């Protein structure tokens, strides 16, 4: 099954770019990075930080992992053909280059209520049915 906005909730999330857009804990809003792993109730997001602890475009960066609860949090996942990986053979044909991705071409932002992700990752990916999503 190809990785699309409609099927995002039934896929493995590890490796996808993500941003926290709303959360019960306001300190979590704005966390942006790549999903490293997930548990039943949390996502582990790898965030790049500079030496001062602030996110920046500086070359001297370190990676920090932040554990974010799914419940009470709204996530925005960024899907590109790169995120779909080898599924291109199944109907995903465009290949955005770096400039296109930066300009927003070939990129889909999918907003997901974390409550929809509350389950064991392996069981969630086995479920069938329609998933609710918003495309920004």
N, C-alpha and C. Protein backbone atom coordinates (compact mmCIF):
# COMPACT_ATOMS: atom_id res chain seq x y z
N UNK A 1 0.85 -1.16 0.00
CA UNK A 1 0.00 0.00 0.00
C UNK A 1 0.91 1.24 0.00
N UNK A 2 0.70 2.16 -0.94
CA UNK A 2 1.55 3.35 -1.01
C UNK A 2 1.30 4.29 0.17
N UNK A 3 2.32 5.03 0.52
CA UNK A 3 2.22 6.02 1.59
C UNK A 3 1.57 7.27 1.01
N UNK A 4 0.35 7.53 1.41
CA UNK A 4 -0.41 8.69 0.95
C UNK A 4 -1.03 9.36 2.17
N UNK A 5 -1.57 10.57 2.02
CA UNK A 5 -2.25 11.19 3.17
C UNK A 5 -3.38 10.32 3.71
N UNK A 6 -4.08 9.61 2.83
CA UNK A 6 -5.19 8.77 3.26
C UNK A 6 -4.73 7.56 4.06
N UNK A 7 -3.53 7.05 3.79
CA UNK A 7 -3.05 5.83 4.45
C UNK A 7 -1.99 6.09 5.51
N UNK A 8 -1.66 7.34 5.77
CA UNK A 8 -0.60 7.68 6.71
C UNK A 8 -0.78 7.02 8.08
N UNK A 9 -1.99 7.04 8.61
CA UNK A 9 -2.24 6.49 9.95
C UNK A 9 -2.06 4.98 10.01
N UNK A 10 -2.00 4.32 8.87
CA UNK A 10 -1.83 2.87 8.85
C UNK A 10 -0.41 2.48 8.44
N UNK A 11 0.51 3.43 8.41
CA UNK A 11 1.88 3.16 8.01
C UNK A 11 2.85 3.31 9.16
N UNK A 12 4.03 2.79 8.97
CA UNK A 12 5.15 3.00 9.88
C UNK A 12 5.53 4.47 9.80
N UNK A 13 5.69 5.13 10.94
CA UNK A 13 5.99 6.56 10.97
C UNK A 13 7.48 6.85 11.07
N UNK A 14 8.27 5.87 11.47
CA UNK A 14 9.71 6.08 11.63
C UNK A 14 10.31 6.53 10.30
N UNK A 15 11.10 7.61 10.36
CA UNK A 15 11.75 8.15 9.18
C UNK A 15 11.02 9.31 8.55
N UNK A 16 9.80 9.59 8.98
CA UNK A 16 9.03 10.69 8.40
C UNK A 16 9.35 12.01 9.08
N UNK A 17 9.45 13.10 8.31
CA UNK A 17 9.59 14.43 8.91
C UNK A 17 8.28 14.80 9.61
N UNK A 18 8.39 15.39 10.80
CA UNK A 18 7.20 15.73 11.57
C UNK A 18 7.42 17.04 12.32
N UNK A 19 6.31 17.72 12.60
CA UNK A 19 6.34 18.95 13.41
C UNK A 19 5.14 18.92 14.33
N UNK A 20 5.33 19.34 15.57
CA UNK A 20 4.23 19.42 16.54
C UNK A 20 3.57 20.78 16.34
N UNK A 21 2.28 20.78 15.93
CA UNK A 21 1.59 22.04 15.66
C UNK A 21 0.69 22.48 16.81
N UNK A 22 0.27 21.53 17.65
CA UNK A 22 -0.54 21.86 18.83
C UNK A 22 -0.34 20.77 19.86
N UNK A 23 -0.36 21.16 21.13
CA UNK A 23 -0.18 20.18 22.20
C UNK A 23 -0.73 20.71 23.50
N UNK A 24 -1.16 19.79 24.35
CA UNK A 24 -1.64 20.17 25.68
C UNK A 24 -0.51 20.84 26.45
N UNK A 25 0.73 20.36 26.26
CA UNK A 25 1.91 20.95 26.87
C UNK A 25 2.50 21.93 25.85
N UNK A 26 2.37 23.21 26.08
CA UNK A 26 2.81 24.22 25.11
C UNK A 26 4.31 24.18 24.83
N UNK A 27 5.10 23.62 25.72
CA UNK A 27 6.54 23.51 25.49
C UNK A 27 6.86 22.58 24.32
N UNK A 28 5.93 21.72 23.95
CA UNK A 28 6.16 20.78 22.86
C UNK A 28 5.88 21.37 21.48
N UNK A 29 5.06 22.43 21.44
CA UNK A 29 4.69 23.04 20.16
C UNK A 29 5.94 23.58 19.48
N UNK A 30 6.10 23.24 18.21
CA UNK A 30 7.25 23.71 17.44
C UNK A 30 8.36 22.70 17.32
N UNK A 31 8.29 21.60 18.08
CA UNK A 31 9.31 20.56 17.92
C UNK A 31 9.22 20.04 16.50
N UNK A 32 10.36 20.01 15.83
CA UNK A 32 10.38 19.60 14.42
C UNK A 32 11.59 18.72 14.17
N UNK A 33 11.38 17.63 13.49
CA UNK A 33 12.48 16.72 13.20
C UNK A 33 12.00 15.49 12.47
N UNK A 34 12.66 14.37 12.76
CA UNK A 34 12.34 13.10 12.11
C UNK A 34 11.93 12.09 13.16
N UNK A 35 10.86 11.36 12.88
CA UNK A 35 10.42 10.32 13.79
C UNK A 35 11.47 9.21 13.80
N UNK A 36 11.99 8.91 14.98
CA UNK A 36 13.00 7.87 15.14
C UNK A 36 12.33 6.54 15.47
N UNK A 37 11.37 6.59 16.38
CA UNK A 37 10.62 5.38 16.74
C UNK A 37 9.32 5.82 17.42
N UNK A 38 8.48 4.83 17.67
CA UNK A 38 7.23 5.14 18.36
C UNK A 38 6.84 3.99 19.27
N UNK A 39 6.09 4.36 20.29
CA UNK A 39 5.51 3.37 21.19
C UNK A 39 4.00 3.54 21.10
N UNK A 40 3.28 2.83 21.93
CA UNK A 40 1.82 2.93 21.92
C UNK A 40 1.37 4.36 22.18
N UNK A 41 2.05 5.07 23.08
CA UNK A 41 1.58 6.39 23.49
C UNK A 41 2.49 7.55 23.13
N UNK A 42 3.66 7.29 22.53
CA UNK A 42 4.59 8.39 22.26
C UNK A 42 5.27 8.24 20.90
N UNK A 43 5.78 9.38 20.41
CA UNK A 43 6.67 9.41 19.26
C UNK A 43 8.02 9.91 19.75
N UNK A 44 9.09 9.31 19.29
CA UNK A 44 10.44 9.77 19.60
C UNK A 44 10.93 10.52 18.37
N UNK A 45 11.16 11.83 18.53
CA UNK A 45 11.51 12.71 17.42
C UNK A 45 12.95 13.19 17.59
N UNK A 46 13.75 13.00 16.55
CA UNK A 46 15.14 13.46 16.56
C UNK A 46 15.16 14.89 16.03
N UNK A 47 15.70 15.80 16.85
CA UNK A 47 15.75 17.22 16.53
C UNK A 47 17.21 17.64 16.46
N UNK A 48 17.57 18.43 15.47
CA UNK A 48 18.94 18.94 15.38
C UNK A 48 19.04 20.24 16.17
N UNK A 49 20.07 20.34 16.99
CA UNK A 49 20.29 21.53 17.82
C UNK A 49 21.73 21.99 17.66
N UNK A 50 21.97 23.29 17.81
CA UNK A 50 23.35 23.77 17.80
C UNK A 50 23.91 23.69 19.22
N UNK A 51 25.11 24.13 19.43
CA UNK A 51 25.76 24.01 20.74
C UNK A 51 25.04 24.76 21.84
N UNK A 52 24.29 25.83 21.51
CA UNK A 52 23.57 26.61 22.51
C UNK A 52 22.23 25.99 22.87
N UNK A 53 21.86 24.89 22.18
CA UNK A 53 20.58 24.26 22.47
C UNK A 53 19.45 24.78 21.63
N UNK A 54 19.70 25.75 20.78
CA UNK A 54 18.67 26.34 19.94
C UNK A 54 18.73 25.71 18.55
N UNK A 55 17.57 25.56 17.92
CA UNK A 55 17.56 25.07 16.55
C UNK A 55 18.12 26.17 15.66
N UNK A 56 18.98 25.82 14.72
CA UNK A 56 19.55 26.83 13.83
C UNK A 56 20.10 26.17 12.59
N UNK A 57 20.58 27.00 11.66
CA UNK A 57 21.20 26.51 10.44
C UNK A 57 22.70 26.41 10.59
N UNK A 58 23.21 26.52 11.78
CA UNK A 58 24.65 26.45 12.07
C UNK A 58 25.18 25.06 11.73
N UNK A 59 26.43 24.97 11.30
CA UNK A 59 27.02 23.67 10.93
C UNK A 59 27.36 22.81 12.15
N UNK A 60 27.67 23.41 13.29
CA UNK A 60 28.01 22.64 14.49
C UNK A 60 26.71 22.23 15.18
N UNK A 61 26.18 21.08 14.79
CA UNK A 61 24.90 20.64 15.32
C UNK A 61 25.05 19.33 16.08
N UNK A 62 24.17 19.16 17.01
CA UNK A 62 24.07 17.87 17.68
C UNK A 62 22.62 17.42 17.54
N UNK A 63 22.41 16.15 17.74
CA UNK A 63 21.06 15.61 17.62
C UNK A 63 20.52 15.28 19.00
N UNK A 64 19.30 15.70 19.23
CA UNK A 64 18.63 15.48 20.50
C UNK A 64 17.34 14.73 20.21
N UNK A 65 17.01 13.77 21.03
CA UNK A 65 15.75 13.05 20.86
C UNK A 65 14.74 13.55 21.87
N UNK A 66 13.55 13.88 21.39
CA UNK A 66 12.46 14.36 22.24
C UNK A 66 11.32 13.34 22.18
N UNK A 67 10.83 12.94 23.34
CA UNK A 67 9.70 12.02 23.40
C UNK A 67 8.43 12.85 23.56
N UNK A 68 7.51 12.69 22.62
CA UNK A 68 6.29 13.50 22.59
C UNK A 68 5.08 12.57 22.73
N UNK A 69 4.18 12.85 23.69
CA UNK A 69 2.99 12.01 23.83
C UNK A 69 2.06 12.21 22.64
N UNK A 70 1.41 11.14 22.21
CA UNK A 70 0.48 11.23 21.09
C UNK A 70 -0.83 11.88 21.51
N UNK A 71 -1.33 11.47 22.69
CA UNK A 71 -2.61 11.98 23.17
C UNK A 71 -2.49 13.47 23.50
N UNK A 72 -3.41 14.26 23.00
CA UNK A 72 -3.41 15.69 23.27
C UNK A 72 -2.47 16.48 22.37
N UNK A 73 -1.92 15.84 21.34
CA UNK A 73 -0.96 16.50 20.45
C UNK A 73 -1.42 16.37 19.01
N UNK A 74 -1.23 17.43 18.24
CA UNK A 74 -1.51 17.40 16.81
C UNK A 74 -0.19 17.48 16.06
N UNK A 75 0.02 16.53 15.16
CA UNK A 75 1.26 16.43 14.40
C UNK A 75 1.03 16.82 12.95
N UNK A 76 2.05 17.40 12.33
CA UNK A 76 2.02 17.68 10.90
C UNK A 76 3.17 16.90 10.26
N UNK A 77 2.83 15.89 9.47
CA UNK A 77 3.82 15.08 8.77
C UNK A 77 4.02 15.65 7.38
N UNK A 78 5.25 15.63 6.89
CA UNK A 78 5.57 16.09 5.55
C UNK A 78 5.83 14.87 4.68
N UNK A 79 5.01 14.72 3.65
CA UNK A 79 5.16 13.60 2.73
C UNK A 79 5.69 14.09 1.40
N UNK A 80 6.72 13.44 0.92
CA UNK A 80 7.26 13.68 -0.41
C UNK A 80 7.38 12.32 -1.07
N UNK A 81 7.77 12.31 -2.33
CA UNK A 81 8.00 11.02 -2.98
C UNK A 81 9.15 10.30 -2.31
N UNK A 82 10.09 11.06 -1.74
CA UNK A 82 11.21 10.46 -1.01
C UNK A 82 10.71 9.67 0.18
N UNK A 83 9.71 10.24 0.90
CA UNK A 83 9.15 9.55 2.06
C UNK A 83 8.47 8.25 1.63
N UNK A 84 7.92 8.23 0.43
CA UNK A 84 7.26 7.03 -0.05
C UNK A 84 8.27 5.97 -0.47
N UNK A 85 9.52 6.37 -0.70
CA UNK A 85 10.60 5.42 -0.98
C UNK A 85 10.37 4.57 -2.20
N UNK A 86 10.48 3.25 -2.05
CA UNK A 86 10.38 2.34 -3.18
C UNK A 86 8.96 2.12 -3.65
N UNK A 87 8.02 2.81 -3.09
CA UNK A 87 6.63 2.65 -3.51
C UNK A 87 6.34 3.38 -4.82
N UNK A 88 7.33 4.05 -5.40
CA UNK A 88 7.14 4.78 -6.65
C UNK A 88 6.61 3.86 -7.74
N UNK A 89 6.98 2.61 -7.70
CA UNK A 89 6.52 1.67 -8.71
C UNK A 89 5.02 1.43 -8.60
N UNK A 90 4.42 1.76 -7.48
CA UNK A 90 3.00 1.53 -7.27
C UNK A 90 2.16 2.75 -7.60
N UNK A 91 2.68 3.70 -8.36
CA UNK A 91 1.85 4.81 -8.82
C UNK A 91 2.32 6.19 -8.41
N UNK A 92 3.37 6.31 -7.65
CA UNK A 92 3.88 7.62 -7.28
C UNK A 92 5.00 7.95 -8.26
N UNK A 93 4.77 8.96 -9.10
CA UNK A 93 5.69 9.15 -10.20
C UNK A 93 6.54 10.41 -10.15
N UNK A 94 6.10 11.46 -9.48
CA UNK A 94 6.89 12.69 -9.51
C UNK A 94 8.13 12.56 -8.64
N UNK A 95 9.18 13.25 -9.03
CA UNK A 95 10.44 13.22 -8.28
C UNK A 95 10.88 14.63 -7.99
N UNK A 96 10.44 15.22 -6.85
CA UNK A 96 10.82 16.59 -6.55
C UNK A 96 12.30 16.71 -6.25
N UNK A 97 12.92 17.78 -6.76
CA UNK A 97 14.32 18.01 -6.41
C UNK A 97 14.35 18.90 -5.17
N UNK A 98 15.51 19.19 -4.66
CA UNK A 98 15.64 19.97 -3.43
C UNK A 98 14.96 21.33 -3.53
N UNK A 99 15.09 22.02 -4.68
CA UNK A 99 14.46 23.34 -4.85
C UNK A 99 12.95 23.23 -4.84
N UNK A 100 12.41 22.18 -5.46
CA UNK A 100 10.97 22.01 -5.50
C UNK A 100 10.42 21.75 -4.10
N UNK A 101 11.15 20.95 -3.32
CA UNK A 101 10.70 20.65 -1.96
C UNK A 101 10.72 21.92 -1.12
N UNK A 102 11.78 22.73 -1.27
CA UNK A 102 11.87 23.98 -0.52
C UNK A 102 10.75 24.93 -0.92
N UNK A 103 10.35 24.91 -2.19
CA UNK A 103 9.29 25.78 -2.67
C UNK A 103 7.91 25.23 -2.36
N UNK A 104 7.83 23.99 -1.87
CA UNK A 104 6.55 23.40 -1.53
C UNK A 104 5.95 22.56 -2.64
N UNK A 105 6.65 22.38 -3.75
CA UNK A 105 6.14 21.56 -4.85
C UNK A 105 6.46 20.11 -4.56
N UNK A 106 5.50 19.22 -4.81
CA UNK A 106 5.72 17.81 -4.57
C UNK A 106 5.74 17.44 -3.11
N UNK A 107 5.26 18.35 -2.25
CA UNK A 107 5.24 18.13 -0.81
C UNK A 107 3.80 18.24 -0.33
N UNK A 108 3.41 17.30 0.52
CA UNK A 108 2.09 17.35 1.13
C UNK A 108 2.26 17.37 2.64
N UNK A 109 1.59 18.28 3.28
CA UNK A 109 1.61 18.36 4.74
C UNK A 109 0.31 17.74 5.24
N UNK A 110 0.44 16.72 6.07
CA UNK A 110 -0.72 16.00 6.58
C UNK A 110 -0.82 16.22 8.08
N UNK A 111 -1.94 16.78 8.52
CA UNK A 111 -2.17 17.04 9.93
C UNK A 111 -2.95 15.88 10.53
N UNK A 112 -2.41 15.32 11.62
CA UNK A 112 -3.02 14.15 12.24
C UNK A 112 -3.18 14.40 13.74
N UNK A 113 -4.37 14.14 14.25
CA UNK A 113 -4.60 14.19 15.69
C UNK A 113 -3.91 12.97 16.30
N UNK A 114 -3.04 13.21 17.27
CA UNK A 114 -2.27 12.13 17.87
C UNK A 114 -3.14 11.02 18.45
N UNK A 115 -4.37 11.34 18.83
CA UNK A 115 -5.27 10.32 19.38
C UNK A 115 -5.56 9.24 18.34
N UNK A 116 -5.48 9.57 17.06
CA UNK A 116 -5.70 8.58 15.99
C UNK A 116 -4.54 7.60 15.88
N UNK A 117 -3.41 7.95 16.47
CA UNK A 117 -2.23 7.10 16.41
C UNK A 117 -2.05 6.26 17.67
N UNK A 118 -2.97 6.40 18.63
CA UNK A 118 -2.85 5.69 19.91
C UNK A 118 -3.17 4.21 19.75
N UNK A 119 -2.16 3.43 19.59
CA UNK A 119 -2.24 1.98 19.59
C UNK A 119 -0.83 1.46 19.34
N UNK A 120 -0.65 0.19 19.49
CA UNK A 120 0.65 -0.38 19.18
C UNK A 120 0.91 -0.15 17.69
N UNK A 121 2.11 0.29 17.34
CA UNK A 121 2.38 0.56 15.93
C UNK A 121 2.08 -0.63 15.01
N UNK A 122 2.42 -1.82 15.42
CA UNK A 122 2.18 -2.99 14.58
C UNK A 122 0.68 -3.24 14.38
N UNK A 123 -0.11 -3.04 15.41
CA UNK A 123 -1.56 -3.24 15.28
C UNK A 123 -2.20 -2.13 14.47
N UNK A 124 -1.73 -0.89 14.64
CA UNK A 124 -2.29 0.23 13.90
C UNK A 124 -2.09 0.05 12.39
N UNK A 125 -0.94 -0.51 12.01
CA UNK A 125 -0.65 -0.67 10.59
C UNK A 125 -1.45 -1.82 9.98
N UNK A 126 -2.02 -2.68 10.80
CA UNK A 126 -2.84 -3.77 10.29
C UNK A 126 -4.29 -3.39 10.09
N UNK A 127 -4.76 -2.31 10.73
CA UNK A 127 -6.17 -1.91 10.65
C UNK A 127 -6.53 -1.52 9.23
N UNK A 128 -7.77 -1.76 8.90
CA UNK A 128 -8.28 -1.36 7.59
C UNK A 128 -9.36 -0.31 7.80
N UNK A 129 -9.66 0.44 6.76
CA UNK A 129 -10.71 1.43 6.86
C UNK A 129 -10.20 2.80 6.43
N UNK A 130 -11.08 3.76 6.51
CA UNK A 130 -10.77 5.11 6.07
C UNK A 130 -10.16 5.88 7.23
N UNK A 131 -9.07 6.60 6.95
CA UNK A 131 -8.47 7.43 7.99
C UNK A 131 -8.81 8.89 7.73
N UNK A 132 -8.98 9.63 8.80
CA UNK A 132 -9.29 11.04 8.69
C UNK A 132 -8.01 11.83 8.58
N UNK A 133 -7.91 12.75 7.66
CA UNK A 133 -6.70 13.56 7.49
C UNK A 133 -7.07 14.90 6.91
N UNK A 134 -6.18 15.84 7.06
CA UNK A 134 -6.32 17.17 6.49
C UNK A 134 -5.07 17.46 5.70
N UNK A 135 -5.22 17.99 4.51
CA UNK A 135 -4.07 18.35 3.70
C UNK A 135 -3.93 19.87 3.72
N UNK A 136 -2.74 20.35 4.09
CA UNK A 136 -2.53 21.80 4.17
C UNK A 136 -1.93 22.33 2.90
